[in-house]
Amino acid sequence: MEAWVLFRLAIACGLIAATVAVQASFMSAGLGVFRRLEEDRRDFLLRYPTVTTVIWVVYLIVPIALDVVLWATFYYLSQALPDFEDALYFSTVTFTTVGYGDIVLGRDWRQVATFEAVNGWIIFGWATALMMAVIQRLHFRGNDEAGPRP
């Protein structure tokens, strides 16, 4: 019995590693595009900082959605939840730490869900930090060649 618990927790750690890899890939690619825009299309960024911010935030939601689907797929394939719709709903409320409690995992799987909630904290904190970094670069440039932004 104890080995089975450790196995499920190892899978949960693997899912965390996979979601971090998804986030890192998206964030690295997004920051690369942002850097190129700063170098090649600085005028666009200066003229449309709000549009750029909205695009960045929406872009960062995509890997979060993929992370939720990854967890939901695990719950469904492991038969912790009866269908994919319930698994996706449960994963969404767990990853976002909303935790309505209307769908719960059986006793054997409850500890795994706590790992998903911790995973959500990590990913949302990371995404928020990157959102703020981009917003600061767009809206609070200071004394560069464009002058201070209001």
Protein backbone atom coordinates (compact mmCIF):
# COMPACT_ATOMS: atom_id res chain seq x y z
CA MET A 1 0.00 0.00 0.00
CA GLU A 2 2.76 2.47 0.94
CA ALA A 3 4.62 1.82 -2.31
CA TRP A 4 1.44 2.65 -4.25
CA VAL A 5 1.15 6.00 -2.42
CA LEU A 6 4.77 6.82 -3.22
CA PHE A 7 4.20 5.86 -6.84
CA ARG A 8 1.23 8.24 -7.14
CA LEU A 9 3.22 11.04 -5.50
CA ALA A 10 6.12 10.39 -7.88
CA ILE A 11 3.69 10.74 -10.78
CA ALA A 12 2.45 14.02 -9.28
CA CYS A 13 6.04 15.29 -9.11
CA GLY A 14 6.50 14.25 -12.73
CA LEU A 15 3.40 16.21 -13.70
CA ILE A 16 4.77 19.27 -11.89
CA ALA A 17 8.02 18.90 -13.81
CA ALA A 18 6.08 18.60 -17.08
CA THR A 19 4.01 21.71 -16.38
CA VAL A 20 7.12 23.68 -15.44
CA ALA A 21 8.67 22.60 -18.75
CA VAL A 22 5.53 23.74 -20.62
CA GLN A 23 5.60 27.10 -18.82
CA ALA A 24 9.32 27.57 -19.33
CA SER A 25 9.02 26.84 -23.05
CA PHE A 26 6.16 29.28 -23.56
CA MET A 27 7.70 31.97 -21.41
CA SER A 28 11.08 31.67 -23.06
CA ALA A 29 9.54 31.88 -26.52
CA GLY A 30 7.32 34.80 -25.51
CA LEU A 31 10.19 36.74 -23.95
CA GLY A 32 12.27 36.10 -27.06
CA VAL A 33 9.56 37.66 -29.21
CA PHE A 34 9.24 40.56 -26.78
CA ARG A 35 13.00 41.20 -26.90
CA ARG A 36 12.96 41.16 -30.70
CA LEU A 37 10.06 43.62 -30.69
CA GLU A 38 12.03 45.88 -28.36
CA GLU A 39 14.93 45.81 -30.81
CA ASP A 40 13.09 45.87 -34.14
CA ARG A 41 9.63 47.34 -33.46
CA ARG A 42 10.14 49.57 -30.45
CA ASP A 43 7.79 52.14 -32.00
CA PHE A 44 4.94 49.58 -31.86
CA LEU A 45 5.58 48.86 -28.18
CA LEU A 46 5.72 52.57 -27.35
CA ARG A 47 2.55 53.30 -29.30
CA TYR A 48 0.50 50.28 -28.16
CA PRO A 49 1.58 49.20 -24.67
CA THR A 50 -1.93 48.18 -23.66
CA VAL A 51 -2.41 45.99 -26.74
CA THR A 52 0.96 44.37 -26.06
CA THR A 53 0.00 43.76 -22.42
CA VAL A 54 -3.30 42.13 -23.40
CA ILE A 55 -1.57 39.90 -25.96
CA TRP A 56 1.06 38.91 -23.36
CA VAL A 57 -1.55 38.03 -20.72
CA VAL A 58 -3.63 35.99 -23.17
CA TYR A 59 -0.46 34.27 -24.39
CA LEU A 60 0.43 33.27 -20.81
CA ILE A 61 -3.02 31.74 -20.31
CA VAL A 62 -2.39 29.22 -23.10
CA PRO A 63 0.27 27.17 -21.26
CA ILE A 64 -1.78 27.35 -18.06
CA ALA A 65 -4.70 25.80 -19.96
CA LEU A 66 -2.35 23.11 -21.29
CA ASP A 67 -1.16 22.41 -17.74
CA VAL A 68 -4.75 21.97 -16.56
CA VAL A 69 -5.47 19.61 -19.46
CA LEU A 70 -2.34 17.61 -18.62
CA TRP A 71 -3.52 17.08 -15.04
CA ALA A 72 -7.07 16.31 -16.21
CA THR A 73 -5.76 13.72 -18.64
CA PHE A 74 -3.86 12.09 -15.79
CA TYR A 75 -6.98 11.93 -13.59
CA TYR A 76 -9.04 10.51 -16.42
CA LEU A 77 -6.49 7.92 -17.59
CA SER A 78 -5.78 6.79 -14.04
CA GLN A 79 -9.55 6.41 -13.52
CA ALA A 80 -9.46 8.73 -10.53
CA LEU A 81 -12.48 10.46 -12.11
CA PRO A 82 -15.17 8.83 -14.28
CA ASP A 83 -15.05 11.03 -17.37
CA PHE A 84 -12.86 13.66 -18.98
CA GLU A 85 -15.34 16.49 -18.42
CA ASP A 86 -15.30 15.90 -14.65
CA ALA A 87 -11.52 15.51 -14.74
CA LEU A 88 -11.11 18.81 -16.58
CA TYR A 89 -13.46 20.63 -14.22
CA PHE A 90 -11.78 19.15 -11.14
CA SER A 91 -8.34 19.97 -12.51
CA THR A 92 -9.34 23.57 -13.25
CA VAL A 93 -10.72 24.25 -9.77
CA THR A 94 -7.75 22.50 -8.16
CA PHE A 95 -5.02 24.13 -10.27
CA THR A 96 -6.53 27.56 -9.70
CA THR A 97 -7.00 26.67 -5.99
CA VAL A 98 -10.69 27.64 -6.18
CA GLY A 99 -11.59 24.22 -4.79
CA TYR A 100 -15.39 24.23 -4.94
CA GLY A 101 -15.52 20.71 -3.53
CA ASP A 102 -18.48 19.54 -5.58
CA ILE A 103 -16.25 16.92 -7.23
CA VAL A 104 -13.67 15.21 -5.07
CA LEU A 105 -11.15 12.45 -5.59
CA GLY A 106 -11.34 9.17 -3.77
CA ARG A 107 -9.17 8.59 -0.72
CA ASP A 108 -6.38 7.01 -2.79
CA TRP A 109 -5.96 10.13 -4.95
CA ARG A 110 -6.56 13.04 -2.56
CA GLN A 111 -2.89 13.67 -1.82
CA VAL A 112 -2.15 13.96 -5.54
CA ALA A 113 -4.64 16.83 -5.82
CA THR A 114 -2.70 18.82 -3.23
CA PHE A 115 0.33 18.59 -5.49
CA GLU A 116 -1.74 20.02 -8.34
CA ALA A 117 -2.79 22.95 -6.13
CA VAL A 118 0.85 23.63 -5.22
CA ASN A 119 1.68 23.39 -8.91
CA GLY A 120 -0.94 26.03 -9.64
CA TRP A 121 0.56 28.38 -7.01
CA ILE A 122 3.98 28.00 -8.61
CA ILE A 123 2.75 28.53 -12.18
CA PHE A 124 0.46 31.46 -11.38
CA GLY A 125 3.16 33.15 -9.32
CA TRP A 126 5.64 32.73 -12.13
CA ALA A 127 3.20 33.97 -14.78
CA THR A 128 2.28 36.96 -12.61
CA ALA A 129 5.93 37.89 -12.17
CA LEU A 130 6.43 37.82 -15.94
CA MET A 131 3.28 39.82 -16.54
CA MET A 132 4.54 42.48 -14.16
CA ALA A 133 8.01 42.50 -15.75
CA VAL A 134 6.51 43.17 -19.18
CA ILE A 135 4.09 45.79 -17.82
CA GLN A 136 6.97 47.60 -16.12
CA ARG A 137 9.01 47.60 -19.33
CA LEU A 138 6.07 48.87 -21.35
CA HIS A 139 4.62 51.46 -19.00
CA PHE A 140 7.48 52.54 -16.73
CA ARG A 141 10.47 52.92 -19.01
CA GLY A 142 12.00 55.84 -17.15
CA ASN A 143 14.49 58.08 -18.93
CA ASP A 144 15.17 56.19 -22.14
CA GLU A 145 15.06 57.77 -25.59
CA ALA A 146 11.26 58.00 -25.50
CA GLY A 147 11.26 59.89 -22.21
CA PRO A 148 9.24 59.01 -19.14
CA ARG A 149 5.82 57.45 -19.70
CA PRO A 150 2.85 58.82 -17.78
